[in-house]
Each structure stands twice: as C-alpha cells, then as structure tokens.
Amino acid sequence: MKLRTVKGFWKELKETDPNCAVGLPRLREAVDDGTIPSFSAGKRRLIDADTALSFLFKGAQGENNQQEK
C-alpha cells in the first residue's frame, strides 16, 4: 500500500507519464464521489496509489468498450 495525497499521486503520475491526460480536478472528483476510496489524516485526504491506478486502468477499459459498440 502506497499512501499519497491526491496531489502527490497526480505528480507521480505525471512524472511517470508526462503525456497523461488525467488532470488533478478529475482525480479529486473521483475521490470526492467515492470512486477512489480515501481517508482523512488531519486536513489531508489520503489515497492508496495502487487503487487509484486501478481506477484509471478500469476507466480506460470501460471507455474502449463503449467505443467498440
């Protein structure tokens, strides 16, 4: 389990893939609506980086399946 803030996860994602089209607002929206599970640690919302990557991967697969139909 790799705990990160939403912004910290986004920065790592951009370092790994500078052309990634996922923006910080979309990640925050996914955390806010519960799509990516999180918990509070003081004023910070922490997420598991592996879970967040899984969300991004599943979202990409879902979009591809919808386009094929």
PDB file of N, CA and C in Angstrom:
ATOM      1  N   MET A   1       0.853  -1.182   0.000  1.00  0.00           N
ATOM      2  CA  MET A   1       0.000   0.000   0.000  1.00  0.00           C
ATOM      3  C   MET A   1       0.894   1.239   0.000  1.00  0.00           C
ATOM      4  N   LYS A   2       0.657   2.099  -0.968  1.00  0.00           N
ATOM      5  CA  LYS A   2       1.409   3.358  -1.066  1.00  0.00           C
ATOM      6  C   LYS A   2       0.431   4.506  -0.848  1.00  0.00           C
ATOM      7  N   LEU A   3       0.455   5.095   0.337  1.00  0.00           N
ATOM      8  CA  LEU A   3      -0.456   6.195   0.633  1.00  0.00           C
ATOM      9  C   LEU A   3       0.112   7.503   0.117  1.00  0.00           C
ATOM     10  N   ARG A   4      -0.731   8.248  -0.562  1.00  0.00           N
ATOM     11  CA  ARG A   4      -0.346   9.540  -1.132  1.00  0.00           C
ATOM     12  C   ARG A   4      -1.499  10.523  -0.977  1.00  0.00           C
ATOM     13  N   THR A   5      -1.171  11.798  -0.971  1.00  0.00           N
ATOM     14  CA  THR A   5      -2.218  12.798  -1.125  1.00  0.00           C
ATOM     15  C   THR A   5      -2.649  12.745  -2.578  1.00  0.00           C
ATOM     16  N   VAL A   6      -3.796  13.310  -2.886  1.00  0.00           N
ATOM     17  CA  VAL A   6      -4.277  13.299  -4.267  1.00  0.00           C
ATOM     18  C   VAL A   6      -3.272  14.041  -5.154  1.00  0.00           C
ATOM     19  N   LYS A   7      -2.816  15.177  -4.695  1.00  0.00           N
ATOM     20  CA  LYS A   7      -1.859  15.957  -5.483  1.00  0.00           C
ATOM     21  C   LYS A   7      -0.527  15.215  -5.620  1.00  0.00           C
ATOM     22  N   GLY A   8      -0.091  14.545  -4.558  1.00  0.00           N
ATOM     23  CA  GLY A   8       1.153  13.771  -4.613  1.00  0.00           C
ATOM     24  C   GLY A   8       1.056  12.630  -5.609  1.00  0.00           C
ATOM     25  N   PHE A   9      -0.093  11.948  -5.620  1.00  0.00           N
ATOM     26  CA  PHE A   9      -0.309  10.879  -6.589  1.00  0.00           C
ATOM     27  C   PHE A   9      -0.287  11.427  -8.008  1.00  0.00           C
ATOM     28  N   TRP A  10      -0.967  12.551  -8.209  1.00  0.00           N
ATOM     29  CA  TRP A  10      -1.024  13.158  -9.539  1.00  0.00           C
ATOM     30  C   TRP A  10       0.385  13.539 -10.020  1.00  0.00           C
ATOM     31  N   LYS A  11       1.204  14.092  -9.120  1.00  0.00           N
ATOM     32  CA  LYS A  11       2.579  14.460  -9.504  1.00  0.00           C
ATOM     33  C   LYS A  11       3.381  13.231  -9.913  1.00  0.00           C
ATOM     34  N   GLU A  12       3.245  12.137  -9.164  1.00  0.00           N
ATOM     35  CA  GLU A  12       3.942  10.896  -9.522  1.00  0.00           C
ATOM     36  C   GLU A  12       3.460  10.371 -10.874  1.00  0.00           C
ATOM     37  N   LEU A  13       2.165  10.461 -11.088  1.00  0.00           N
ATOM     38  CA  LEU A  13       1.590  10.014 -12.351  1.00  0.00           C
ATOM     39  C   LEU A  13       2.170  10.818 -13.514  1.00  0.00           C
ATOM     40  N   LYS A  14       2.267  12.125 -13.355  1.00  0.00           N
ATOM     41  CA  LYS A  14       2.815  12.990 -14.411  1.00  0.00           C
ATOM     42  C   LYS A  14       4.301  12.744 -14.638  1.00  0.00           C
ATOM     43  N   GLU A  15       5.035  12.400 -13.561  1.00  0.00           N
ATOM     44  CA  GLU A  15       6.458  12.076 -13.729  1.00  0.00           C
ATOM     45  C   GLU A  15       6.633  10.781 -14.511  1.00  0.00           C
ATOM     46  N   THR A  16       5.762   9.804 -14.222  1.00  0.00           N
ATOM     47  CA  THR A  16       5.828   8.521 -14.902  1.00  0.00           C
ATOM     48  C   THR A  16       5.392   8.644 -16.361  1.00  0.00           C
ATOM     49  N   ASP A  17       4.328   9.407 -16.577  1.00  0.00           N
ATOM     50  CA  ASP A  17       3.776   9.582 -17.925  1.00  0.00           C
ATOM     51  C   ASP A  17       3.456  11.058 -18.138  1.00  0.00           C
ATOM     52  N   PRO A  18       4.416  11.833 -18.652  1.00  0.00           N
ATOM     53  CA  PRO A  18       4.193  13.271 -18.824  1.00  0.00           C
ATOM     54  C   PRO A  18       3.026  13.617 -19.749  1.00  0.00           C
ATOM     55  N   ASN A  19       2.628  12.703 -20.612  1.00  0.00           N
ATOM     56  CA  ASN A  19       1.536  12.963 -21.550  1.00  0.00           C
ATOM     57  C   ASN A  19       0.179  12.485 -21.043  1.00  0.00           C
ATOM     58  N   CYS A  20       0.130  12.091 -19.785  1.00  0.00           N
ATOM     59  CA  CYS A  20      -1.122  11.592 -19.203  1.00  0.00           C
ATOM     60  C   CYS A  20      -2.191  12.690 -19.276  1.00  0.00           C
ATOM     61  N   ALA A  21      -3.362  12.320 -19.742  1.00  0.00           N
ATOM     62  CA  ALA A  21      -4.431  13.294 -19.943  1.00  0.00           C
ATOM     63  C   ALA A  21      -5.310  13.490 -18.717  1.00  0.00           C
ATOM     64  N   VAL A  22      -5.082  12.716 -17.658  1.00  0.00           N
ATOM     65  CA  VAL A  22      -5.900  12.831 -16.449  1.00  0.00           C
ATOM     66  C   VAL A  22      -5.418  14.027 -15.643  1.00  0.00           C
ATOM     67  N   GLY A  23      -6.347  14.897 -15.340  1.00  0.00           N
ATOM     68  CA  GLY A  23      -5.994  16.097 -14.597  1.00  0.00           C
ATOM     69  C   GLY A  23      -6.277  15.966 -13.110  1.00  0.00           C
ATOM     70  N   LEU A  24      -5.700  16.848 -12.357  1.00  0.00           N
ATOM     71  CA  LEU A  24      -5.899  16.875 -10.915  1.00  0.00           C
ATOM     72  C   LEU A  24      -7.365  17.060 -10.544  1.00  0.00           C
ATOM     73  N   PRO A  25      -8.119  17.925 -11.234  1.00  0.00           N
ATOM     74  CA  PRO A  25      -9.543  18.061 -10.889  1.00  0.00           C
ATOM     75  C   PRO A  25     -10.328  16.759 -11.038  1.00  0.00           C
ATOM     76  N   ARG A  26     -10.044  15.967 -12.065  1.00  0.00           N
ATOM     77  CA  ARG A  26     -10.755  14.690 -12.263  1.00  0.00           C
ATOM     78  C   ARG A  26     -10.414  13.707 -11.148  1.00  0.00           C
ATOM     79  N   LEU A  27      -9.152  13.674 -10.731  1.00  0.00           N
ATOM     80  CA  LEU A  27      -8.772  12.802  -9.626  1.00  0.00           C
ATOM     81  C   LEU A  27      -9.493  13.208  -8.346  1.00  0.00           C
ATOM     82  N   ARG A  28      -9.529  14.511  -8.072  1.00  0.00           N
ATOM     83  CA  ARG A  28     -10.219  14.988  -6.868  1.00  0.00           C
ATOM     84  C   ARG A  28     -11.711  14.662  -6.927  1.00  0.00           C
ATOM     85  N   GLU A  29     -12.295  14.777  -8.099  1.00  0.00           N
ATOM     86  CA  GLU A  29     -13.711  14.456  -8.274  1.00  0.00           C
ATOM     87  C   GLU A  29     -13.958  12.975  -7.968  1.00  0.00           C
ATOM     88  N   ALA A  30     -13.070  12.107  -8.438  1.00  0.00           N
ATOM     89  CA  ALA A  30     -13.210  10.672  -8.190  1.00  0.00           C
ATOM     90  C   ALA A  30     -13.073  10.352  -6.699  1.00  0.00           C
ATOM     91  N   VAL A  31     -12.223  11.081  -6.001  1.00  0.00           N
ATOM     92  CA  VAL A  31     -12.092  10.894  -4.555  1.00  0.00           C
ATOM     93  C   VAL A  31     -13.343  11.422  -3.855  1.00  0.00           C
ATOM     94  N   ASP A  32     -13.817  12.581  -4.267  1.00  0.00           N
ATOM     95  CA  ASP A  32     -14.994  13.182  -3.636  1.00  0.00           C
ATOM     96  C   ASP A  32     -16.244  12.322  -3.803  1.00  0.00           C
ATOM     97  N   ASP A  33     -16.416  11.701  -4.975  1.00  0.00           N
ATOM     98  CA  ASP A  33     -17.627  10.897  -5.189  1.00  0.00           C
ATOM     99  C   ASP A  33     -17.464   9.450  -4.729  1.00  0.00           C
ATOM    100  N   GLY A  34     -16.287   9.111  -4.184  1.00  0.00           N
ATOM    101  CA  GLY A  34     -16.077   7.785  -3.614  1.00  0.00           C
ATOM    102  C   GLY A  34     -15.615   6.732  -4.595  1.00  0.00           C
ATOM    103  N   THR A  35     -15.394   7.099  -5.837  1.00  0.00           N
ATOM    104  CA  THR A  35     -14.906   6.147  -6.832  1.00  0.00           C
ATOM    105  C   THR A  35     -13.519   5.642  -6.437  1.00  0.00           C
ATOM    106  N   ILE A  36     -12.678   6.546  -5.951  1.00  0.00           N
ATOM    107  CA  ILE A  36     -11.380   6.186  -5.386  1.00  0.00           C
ATOM    108  C   ILE A  36     -11.517   6.331  -3.873  1.00  0.00           C
ATOM    109  N   PRO A  37     -11.403   5.231  -3.130  1.00  0.00           N
ATOM    110  CA  PRO A  37     -11.539   5.317  -1.674  1.00  0.00           C
ATOM    111  C   PRO A  37     -10.437   6.167  -1.051  1.00  0.00           C
ATOM    112  N   SER A  38     -10.783   6.893  -0.012  1.00  0.00           N
ATOM    113  CA  SER A  38      -9.811   7.744   0.667  1.00  0.00           C
ATOM    114  C   SER A  38     -10.152   7.800   2.146  1.00  0.00           C
ATOM    115  N   PHE A  39      -9.218   8.355   2.907  1.00  0.00           N
ATOM    116  CA  PHE A  39      -9.489   8.632   4.302  1.00  0.00           C
ATOM    117  C   PHE A  39      -8.759   9.903   4.696  1.00  0.00           C
ATOM    118  N   SER A  40      -9.241  10.512   5.750  1.00  0.00           N
ATOM    119  CA  SER A  40      -8.668  11.785   6.199  1.00  0.00           C
ATOM    120  C   SER A  40      -7.586  11.539   7.233  1.00  0.00           C
ATOM    121  N   ALA A  41      -6.530  12.306   7.102  1.00  0.00           N
ATOM    122  CA  ALA A  41      -5.451  12.321   8.085  1.00  0.00           C
ATOM    123  C   ALA A  41      -5.201  13.793   8.386  1.00  0.00           C
ATOM    124  N   GLY A  42      -5.879  14.289   9.391  1.00  0.00           N
ATOM    125  CA  GLY A  42      -5.822  15.725   9.650  1.00  0.00           C
ATOM    126  C   GLY A  42      -6.592  16.448   8.564  1.00  0.00           C
ATOM    127  N   LYS A  43      -5.945  17.394   7.918  1.00  0.00           N
ATOM    128  CA  LYS A  43      -6.585  18.150   6.830  1.00  0.00           C
ATOM    129  C   LYS A  43      -6.395  17.486   5.474  1.00  0.00           C
ATOM    130  N   ARG A  44      -5.613  16.424   5.428  1.00  0.00           N
ATOM    131  CA  ARG A  44      -5.286  15.794   4.144  1.00  0.00           C
ATOM    132  C   ARG A  44      -6.169  14.590   3.864  1.00  0.00           C
ATOM    133  N   ARG A  45      -6.465  14.390   2.591  1.00  0.00           N
ATOM    134  CA  ARG A  45      -7.177  13.187   2.141  1.00  0.00           C
ATOM    135  C   ARG A  45      -6.131  12.279   1.504  1.00  0.00           C
ATOM    136  N   LEU A  46      -6.018  11.080   1.999  1.00  0.00           N
ATOM    137  CA  LEU A  46      -5.026  10.137   1.500  1.00  0.00           C
ATOM    138  C   LEU A  46      -5.699   9.044   0.692  1.00  0.00           C
ATOM    139  N   ILE A  47      -4.991   8.628  -0.360  1.00  0.00           N
ATOM    140  CA  ILE A  47      -5.474   7.539  -1.203  1.00  0.00           C
ATOM    141  C   ILE A  47      -4.356   6.519  -1.362  1.00  0.00           C
ATOM    142  N   ASP A  48      -4.737   5.293  -1.686  1.00  0.00           N
ATOM    143  CA  ASP A  48      -3.768   4.253  -1.999  1.00  0.00           C
ATOM    144  C   ASP A  48      -3.433   4.392  -3.489  1.00  0.00           C
ATOM    145  N   ALA A  49      -2.166   4.590  -3.795  1.00  0.00           N
ATOM    146  CA  ALA A  49      -1.756   4.815  -5.182  1.00  0.00           C
ATOM    147  C   ALA A  49      -2.118   3.628  -6.076  1.00  0.00           C
ATOM    148  N   ASP A  50      -2.011   2.409  -5.556  1.00  0.00           N
ATOM    149  CA  ASP A  50      -2.341   1.230  -6.367  1.00  0.00           C
ATOM    150  C   ASP A  50      -3.830   1.195  -6.714  1.00  0.00           C
ATOM    151  N   THR A  51      -4.670   1.560  -5.752  1.00  0.00           N
ATOM    152  CA  THR A  51      -6.115   1.600  -6.001  1.00  0.00           C
ATOM    153  C   THR A  51      -6.452   2.673  -7.035  1.00  0.00           C
ATOM    154  N   ALA A  52      -5.795   3.816  -6.931  1.00  0.00           N
ATOM    155  CA  ALA A  52      -6.040   4.903  -7.876  1.00  0.00           C
ATOM    156  C   ALA A  52      -5.619   4.498  -9.295  1.00  0.00           C
ATOM    157  N   LEU A  53      -4.493   3.809  -9.416  1.00  0.00           N
ATOM    158  CA  LEU A  53      -4.066   3.329 -10.733  1.00  0.00           C
ATOM    159  C   LEU A  53      -5.067   2.323 -11.292  1.00  0.00           C
ATOM    160  N   SER A  54      -5.592   1.474 -10.421  1.00  0.00           N
ATOM    161  CA  SER A  54      -6.597   0.511 -10.843  1.00  0.00           C
ATOM    162  C   SER A  54      -7.832   1.236 -11.378  1.00  0.00           C
ATOM    163  N   PHE A  55      -8.246   2.308 -10.704  1.00  0.00           N
ATOM    164  CA  PHE A  55      -9.379   3.115 -11.155  1.00  0.00           C
ATOM    165  C   PHE A  55      -9.104   3.676 -12.551  1.00  0.00           C
ATOM    166  N   LEU A  56      -7.922   4.211 -12.761  1.00  0.00           N
ATOM    167  CA  LEU A  56      -7.590   4.796 -14.063  1.00  0.00           C
ATOM    168  C   LEU A  56      -7.585   3.723 -15.146  1.00  0.00           C
ATOM    169  N   PHE A  57      -7.046   2.552 -14.832  1.00  0.00           N
ATOM    170  CA  PHE A  57      -6.982   1.469 -15.803  1.00  0.00           C
ATOM    171  C   PHE A  57      -8.378   0.972 -16.148  1.00  0.00           C
ATOM    172  N   LYS A  58      -9.224   0.778 -15.143  1.00  0.00           N
ATOM    173  CA  LYS A  58     -10.591   0.315 -15.392  1.00  0.00           C
ATOM    174  C   LYS A  58     -11.386   1.349 -16.180  1.00  0.00           C
ATOM    175  N   GLY A  59     -11.174   2.619 -15.882  1.00  0.00           N
ATOM    176  CA  GLY A  59     -11.865   3.681 -16.612  1.00  0.00           C
ATOM    177  C   GLY A  59     -11.486   3.680 -18.082  1.00  0.00           C
ATOM    178  N   ALA A  60     -10.217   3.458 -18.361  1.00  0.00           N
ATOM    179  CA  ALA A  60      -9.760   3.424 -19.754  1.00  0.00           C
ATOM    180  C   ALA A  60     -10.344   2.222 -20.473  1.00  0.00           C
ATOM    181  N   GLN A  61     -10.429   1.081 -19.801  1.00  0.00           N
ATOM    182  CA  GLN A  61     -11.010  -0.104 -20.426  1.00  0.00           C
ATOM    183  C   GLN A  61     -12.489   0.113 -20.711  1.00  0.00           C
ATOM    184  N   GLY A  62     -13.196   0.741 -19.785  1.00  0.00           N
ATOM    185  CA  GLY A  62     -14.617   0.996 -19.974  1.00  0.00           C
ATOM    186  C   GLY A  62     -14.882   1.907 -21.151  1.00  0.00           C
ATOM    187  N   GLU A  63     -14.051   2.923 -21.335  1.00  0.00           N
ATOM    188  CA  GLU A  63     -14.211   3.837 -22.464  1.00  0.00           C
ATOM    189  C   GLU A  63     -13.970   3.108 -23.771  1.00  0.00           C
ATOM    190  N   ASN A  64     -12.970   2.234 -23.806  1.00  0.00           N
ATOM    191  CA  ASN A  64     -12.686   1.483 -25.034  1.00  0.00           C
ATOM    192  C   ASN A  64     -13.840   0.551 -25.375  1.00  0.00           C
ATOM    193  N   ASN A  65     -14.420  -0.095 -24.382  1.00  0.00           N
ATOM    194  CA  ASN A  65     -15.553  -0.988 -24.629  1.00  0.00           C
ATOM    195  C   ASN A  65     -16.761  -0.231 -25.150  1.00  0.00           C
ATOM    196  N   GLN A  66     -17.003   0.971 -24.665  1.00  0.00           N
ATOM    197  CA  GLN A  66     -18.139   1.760 -25.118  1.00  0.00           C
ATOM    198  C   GLN A  66     -17.947   2.217 -26.560  1.00  0.00           C
ATOM    199  N   GLN A  67     -16.709   2.521 -26.939  1.00  0.00           N
ATOM    200  CA  GLN A  67     -16.435   2.983 -28.292  1.00  0.00           C
ATOM    201  C   GLN A  67     -16.611   1.855 -29.296  1.00  0.00           C
ATOM    202  N   GLU A  68     -16.357   0.598 -28.886  1.00  0.00           N
ATOM    203  CA  GLU A  68     -16.454  -0.532 -29.801  1.00  0.00           C
ATOM    204  C   GLU A  68     -17.900  -0.850 -30.148  1.00  0.00           C
ATOM    205  N   LYS A  69     -18.840  -0.506 -29.284  1.00  0.00           N
ATOM    206  CA  LYS A  69     -20.254  -0.856 -29.501  1.00  0.00           C
ATOM    207  C   LYS A  69     -20.905   0.031 -30.533  1.00  0.00           C
TER     208      LYS A  69
END
